[in-house]
Each structure stands twice: as C-alpha cells, then as structure tokens.
Amino acid sequence: MEEKELKEFLARESPDFKRAFEEHQRFEKALETLTEKPFLTEEEKLEEKELKKKKLILKDRMYQLMFAYRKSL
C-alpha cells in the first residue's frame, strides 16, 4: 500500500491517526494564514515556531502509527 493510500485508510480506520491528521491539518492552515502576512509581530513569530513544532510532533506520530500498522501485517 502506498503512503497516500495508507494515510487515507488509517484516517478512516484509526481514531488516533484521524485525530493526529486533523490536528496536523489545522496547524497547517494556521501556518498558511501566518505566512500570508507581509510582517509578523514577535508574538506571531513565536506562534509560528510553536505551530511548526506541534506539526512536526504530529507528523512523527502519524508515521509511527503507519509503521506500526505496516509491521502488524
């Protein structure tokens, strides 16, 4: 199963994966909103860093779940 297919499958079948995926998407949209601004305040710069960290943590979690699923086959 290709990565994209596996993500779609786990988003339907795994509540943990679905939650991580949806939160990752929310953080991505928030980052897009920030990057559209021509100038970021110091507070927005901190928010951007936090969003990137949280997004990376979620991405790592999704890949852990994908690895565990593949291993269970």
N, C-alpha and C. Protein backbone atom coordinates (compact mmCIF):
# COMPACT_ATOMS: atom_id res chain seq x y z
N MET A 1 0.86 -1.18 0.00
CA MET A 1 0.00 0.00 0.00
C MET A 1 0.90 1.24 0.00
N GLU A 2 0.62 2.15 -0.90
CA GLU A 2 1.39 3.40 -0.99
C GLU A 2 1.11 4.29 0.22
N GLU A 3 2.00 5.23 0.46
CA GLU A 3 1.87 6.10 1.63
C GLU A 3 0.55 6.86 1.65
N LYS A 4 0.17 7.43 0.52
CA LYS A 4 -1.07 8.21 0.46
C LYS A 4 -2.27 7.32 0.76
N GLU A 5 -2.29 6.13 0.19
CA GLU A 5 -3.38 5.20 0.43
C GLU A 5 -3.43 4.78 1.90
N LEU A 6 -2.27 4.54 2.47
CA LEU A 6 -2.21 4.15 3.88
C LEU A 6 -2.73 5.27 4.78
N LYS A 7 -2.35 6.50 4.49
CA LYS A 7 -2.85 7.64 5.27
C LYS A 7 -4.37 7.73 5.19
N GLU A 8 -4.90 7.57 3.98
CA GLU A 8 -6.36 7.64 3.81
C GLU A 8 -7.04 6.50 4.56
N PHE A 9 -6.46 5.30 4.49
CA PHE A 9 -7.02 4.15 5.18
C PHE A 9 -7.02 4.37 6.69
N LEU A 10 -5.87 4.78 7.22
CA LEU A 10 -5.76 4.98 8.67
C LEU A 10 -6.62 6.15 9.15
N ALA A 11 -6.80 7.15 8.32
CA ALA A 11 -7.67 8.28 8.69
C ALA A 11 -9.11 7.80 8.86
N ARG A 12 -9.49 6.77 8.13
CA ARG A 12 -10.84 6.20 8.25
C ARG A 12 -10.94 5.20 9.39
N GLU A 13 -9.87 4.41 9.59
CA GLU A 13 -9.95 3.26 10.48
C GLU A 13 -9.35 3.45 11.87
N SER A 14 -8.47 4.41 12.02
CA SER A 14 -7.78 4.59 13.31
C SER A 14 -8.14 5.94 13.93
N PRO A 15 -8.84 5.92 15.05
CA PRO A 15 -9.17 7.20 15.71
C PRO A 15 -7.93 8.02 16.09
N ASP A 16 -6.86 7.33 16.53
CA ASP A 16 -5.62 8.05 16.88
C ASP A 16 -5.02 8.74 15.66
N PHE A 17 -4.96 8.01 14.56
CA PHE A 17 -4.39 8.59 13.34
C PHE A 17 -5.27 9.73 12.84
N LYS A 18 -6.57 9.51 12.85
CA LYS A 18 -7.50 10.54 12.38
C LYS A 18 -7.35 11.83 13.19
N ARG A 19 -7.26 11.70 14.50
CA ARG A 19 -7.11 12.86 15.38
C ARG A 19 -5.80 13.59 15.07
N ALA A 20 -4.71 12.84 14.94
CA ALA A 20 -3.41 13.46 14.64
C ALA A 20 -3.43 14.13 13.27
N PHE A 21 -4.03 13.46 12.28
CA PHE A 21 -4.09 14.00 10.93
C PHE A 21 -4.90 15.30 10.89
N GLU A 22 -6.06 15.30 11.54
CA GLU A 22 -6.91 16.50 11.53
C GLU A 22 -6.25 17.66 12.26
N GLU A 23 -5.59 17.36 13.37
CA GLU A 23 -4.90 18.43 14.10
C GLU A 23 -3.73 18.96 13.28
N HIS A 24 -3.02 18.08 12.62
CA HIS A 24 -1.91 18.47 11.73
C HIS A 24 -2.43 19.42 10.65
N GLN A 25 -3.59 19.11 10.07
CA GLN A 25 -4.19 19.95 9.04
C GLN A 25 -4.57 21.33 9.61
N ARG A 26 -5.10 21.36 10.82
CA ARG A 26 -5.45 22.64 11.45
C ARG A 26 -4.21 23.50 11.66
N PHE A 27 -3.13 22.89 12.11
CA PHE A 27 -1.89 23.64 12.29
C PHE A 27 -1.35 24.13 10.96
N GLU A 28 -1.47 23.31 9.93
CA GLU A 28 -1.01 23.71 8.59
C GLU A 28 -1.78 24.94 8.10
N LYS A 29 -3.09 24.94 8.30
CA LYS A 29 -3.91 26.09 7.88
C LYS A 29 -3.54 27.34 8.67
N ALA A 30 -3.30 27.18 9.96
CA ALA A 30 -2.90 28.32 10.79
C ALA A 30 -1.55 28.87 10.32
N LEU A 31 -0.63 27.99 9.98
CA LEU A 31 0.66 28.44 9.46
C LEU A 31 0.51 29.17 8.13
N GLU A 32 -0.35 28.67 7.27
CA GLU A 32 -0.59 29.34 5.99
C GLU A 32 -1.11 30.76 6.21
N THR A 33 -2.00 30.91 7.17
CA THR A 33 -2.54 32.23 7.49
C THR A 33 -1.42 33.17 7.93
N LEU A 34 -0.52 32.66 8.75
CA LEU A 34 0.60 33.49 9.21
C LEU A 34 1.55 33.84 8.08
N THR A 35 1.83 32.89 7.22
CA THR A 35 2.81 33.15 6.16
C THR A 35 2.26 34.08 5.08
N GLU A 36 0.96 34.24 5.03
CA GLU A 36 0.37 35.18 4.06
C GLU A 36 0.57 36.64 4.50
N LYS A 37 0.87 36.83 5.76
CA LYS A 37 1.07 38.19 6.26
C LYS A 37 2.41 38.74 5.79
N PRO A 38 2.45 40.01 5.43
CA PRO A 38 3.72 40.59 4.98
C PRO A 38 4.73 40.78 6.13
N PHE A 39 4.21 40.90 7.34
CA PHE A 39 5.08 41.13 8.50
C PHE A 39 4.48 40.41 9.70
N LEU A 40 5.33 39.75 10.49
CA LEU A 40 4.87 39.07 11.70
C LEU A 40 5.36 39.81 12.94
N THR A 41 4.46 39.95 13.89
CA THR A 41 4.86 40.52 15.18
C THR A 41 5.70 39.47 15.91
N GLU A 42 6.32 39.87 16.99
CA GLU A 42 7.12 38.92 17.78
C GLU A 42 6.23 37.79 18.29
N GLU A 43 5.04 38.13 18.71
CA GLU A 43 4.09 37.11 19.19
C GLU A 43 3.73 36.13 18.07
N GLU A 44 3.53 36.64 16.88
CA GLU A 44 3.20 35.79 15.74
C GLU A 44 4.39 34.90 15.35
N LYS A 45 5.60 35.44 15.48
CA LYS A 45 6.79 34.64 15.20
C LYS A 45 6.88 33.47 16.17
N LEU A 46 6.59 33.72 17.45
CA LEU A 46 6.59 32.65 18.45
C LEU A 46 5.49 31.63 18.14
N GLU A 47 4.33 32.12 17.76
CA GLU A 47 3.23 31.23 17.40
C GLU A 47 3.62 30.36 16.20
N GLU A 48 4.28 30.95 15.23
CA GLU A 48 4.72 30.21 14.06
C GLU A 48 5.67 29.07 14.46
N LYS A 49 6.63 29.37 15.34
CA LYS A 49 7.57 28.35 15.81
C LYS A 49 6.85 27.24 16.54
N GLU A 50 5.91 27.60 17.40
CA GLU A 50 5.15 26.60 18.15
C GLU A 50 4.30 25.72 17.23
N LEU A 51 3.67 26.34 16.26
CA LEU A 51 2.87 25.57 15.31
C LEU A 51 3.74 24.59 14.53
N LYS A 52 4.91 25.02 14.13
CA LYS A 52 5.82 24.14 13.39
C LYS A 52 6.26 22.96 14.25
N LYS A 53 6.55 23.23 15.53
CA LYS A 53 6.95 22.15 16.44
C LYS A 53 5.81 21.16 16.63
N LYS A 54 4.62 21.68 16.88
CA LYS A 54 3.46 20.81 17.10
C LYS A 54 3.15 19.99 15.86
N LYS A 55 3.27 20.63 14.71
CA LYS A 55 3.01 19.94 13.44
C LYS A 55 4.02 18.80 13.24
N LEU A 56 5.27 19.04 13.56
CA LEU A 56 6.30 18.02 13.42
C LEU A 56 6.05 16.85 14.38
N ILE A 57 5.65 17.15 15.59
CA ILE A 57 5.33 16.10 16.56
C ILE A 57 4.20 15.23 16.04
N LEU A 58 3.17 15.86 15.47
CA LEU A 58 2.05 15.11 14.93
C LEU A 58 2.46 14.29 13.71
N LYS A 59 3.32 14.85 12.89
CA LYS A 59 3.79 14.11 11.72
C LYS A 59 4.56 12.87 12.17
N ASP A 60 5.41 13.04 13.17
CA ASP A 60 6.14 11.89 13.72
C ASP A 60 5.17 10.84 14.26
N ARG A 61 4.13 11.28 14.94
CA ARG A 61 3.13 10.35 15.49
C ARG A 61 2.41 9.60 14.36
N MET A 62 2.04 10.30 13.32
CA MET A 62 1.37 9.65 12.20
C MET A 62 2.28 8.59 11.56
N TYR A 63 3.57 8.91 11.41
CA TYR A 63 4.49 7.95 10.82
C TYR A 63 4.73 6.76 11.75
N GLN A 64 4.71 6.99 13.06
CA GLN A 64 4.80 5.87 14.00
C GLN A 64 3.60 4.94 13.84
N LEU A 65 2.41 5.52 13.72
CA LEU A 65 1.20 4.71 13.55
C LEU A 65 1.23 3.96 12.22
N MET A 66 1.72 4.62 11.18
CA MET A 66 1.82 3.96 9.88
C MET A 66 2.81 2.80 9.94
N PHE A 67 3.93 3.01 10.60
CA PHE A 67 4.94 1.96 10.74
C PHE A 67 4.36 0.78 11.52
N ALA A 68 3.67 1.08 12.61
CA ALA A 68 3.08 0.02 13.43
C ALA A 68 2.05 -0.78 12.64
N TYR A 69 1.27 -0.09 11.83
CA TYR A 69 0.28 -0.79 11.02
C TYR A 69 0.97 -1.71 10.01
N ARG A 70 1.97 -1.19 9.32
CA ARG A 70 2.68 -1.99 8.32
C ARG A 70 3.34 -3.22 8.98
N LYS A 71 3.87 -3.00 10.16
CA LYS A 71 4.55 -4.09 10.88
C LYS A 71 3.55 -5.17 11.30
N SER A 72 2.30 -4.77 11.55
CA SER A 72 1.30 -5.72 12.00
C SER A 72 0.76 -6.60 10.87
N LEU A 73 1.07 -6.26 9.64
CA LEU A 73 0.57 -7.05 8.50
C LEU A 73 1.30 -8.36 8.34
